[in-house]
Amino acid sequence: MSDTHCPGFESNKSLSEVIVKCPDCGQEQEIFSDEMGKQVKCKGCSSLFDSTACKVE
């Protein structure tokens, strides 16, 4: 079996999961590390928030 990967695999293999918490409803959700600093839409209440300010340590 060959060790081939999907196109784009190399650029994504260093990503990690980050937990952020919605400031409006408090729901936690996972995003990828490349999404930090971007607006995130809450899956619970649909509000938009800054992922950097809402990271769960």
Protein backbone atom coordinates (compact mmCIF):
# COMPACT_ATOMS: atom_id res chain seq x y z
CA MET A 1 0.00 0.00 0.00
CA SER A 2 1.39 3.41 -0.90
CA ASP A 3 1.63 6.23 1.60
CA THR A 4 -0.26 8.89 -0.39
CA HIS A 5 -2.47 11.59 1.03
CA CYS A 6 -5.19 13.89 -0.22
CA PRO A 7 -4.08 17.11 -1.92
CA GLY A 8 -3.47 19.79 0.70
CA PHE A 9 -2.63 17.30 3.45
CA GLU A 10 0.81 18.79 4.15
CA SER A 11 -0.57 22.28 4.82
CA ASN A 12 -3.16 20.93 7.28
CA LYS A 13 -1.23 18.31 9.25
CA SER A 14 0.03 20.84 11.81
CA LEU A 15 -3.46 22.08 12.76
CA SER A 16 -4.71 21.51 16.28
CA GLU A 17 -8.12 21.77 17.91
CA VAL A 18 -8.92 24.78 20.09
CA ILE A 19 -11.92 25.10 22.41
CA VAL A 20 -13.72 28.46 22.39
CA LYS A 21 -16.71 29.55 24.47
CA CYS A 22 -19.52 31.76 23.23
CA PRO A 23 -19.71 34.94 25.35
CA ASP A 24 -23.48 35.14 24.84
CA CYS A 25 -24.76 31.63 25.64
CA GLY A 26 -21.65 29.95 27.07
CA GLN A 27 -21.63 27.00 24.67
CA GLU A 28 -18.18 25.56 24.02
CA GLN A 29 -17.17 24.44 20.55
CA GLU A 30 -14.06 23.21 18.81
CA ILE A 31 -12.36 25.12 16.03
CA PHE A 32 -9.06 24.50 14.25
CA SER A 33 -5.99 26.54 15.17
CA ASP A 34 -5.97 28.29 11.78
CA GLU A 35 -9.38 29.80 12.64
CA MET A 36 -8.03 31.68 15.68
CA GLY A 37 -8.41 35.43 15.24
CA LYS A 38 -11.42 35.02 12.98
CA GLN A 39 -15.10 35.51 13.73
CA VAL A 40 -16.82 32.29 14.83
CA LYS A 41 -20.54 31.63 14.54
CA CYS A 42 -21.91 29.95 17.65
CA LYS A 43 -23.62 26.64 16.95
CA GLY A 44 -25.96 27.25 19.90
CA CYS A 45 -27.27 30.80 19.50
CA SER A 46 -25.82 31.80 16.09
CA SER A 47 -24.09 34.93 17.41
CA LEU A 48 -20.72 35.93 15.97
CA PHE A 49 -17.77 36.36 18.32
CA ASP A 50 -13.99 36.83 18.26
CA SER A 51 -12.39 33.41 18.74
CA THR A 52 -9.16 34.87 20.17
CA ALA A 53 -10.94 36.58 23.06
CA CYS A 54 -13.01 33.49 23.88
CA LYS A 55 -10.38 30.72 23.98
CA VAL A 56 -10.83 28.23 26.81
CA GLU A 57 -7.50 27.44 28.50
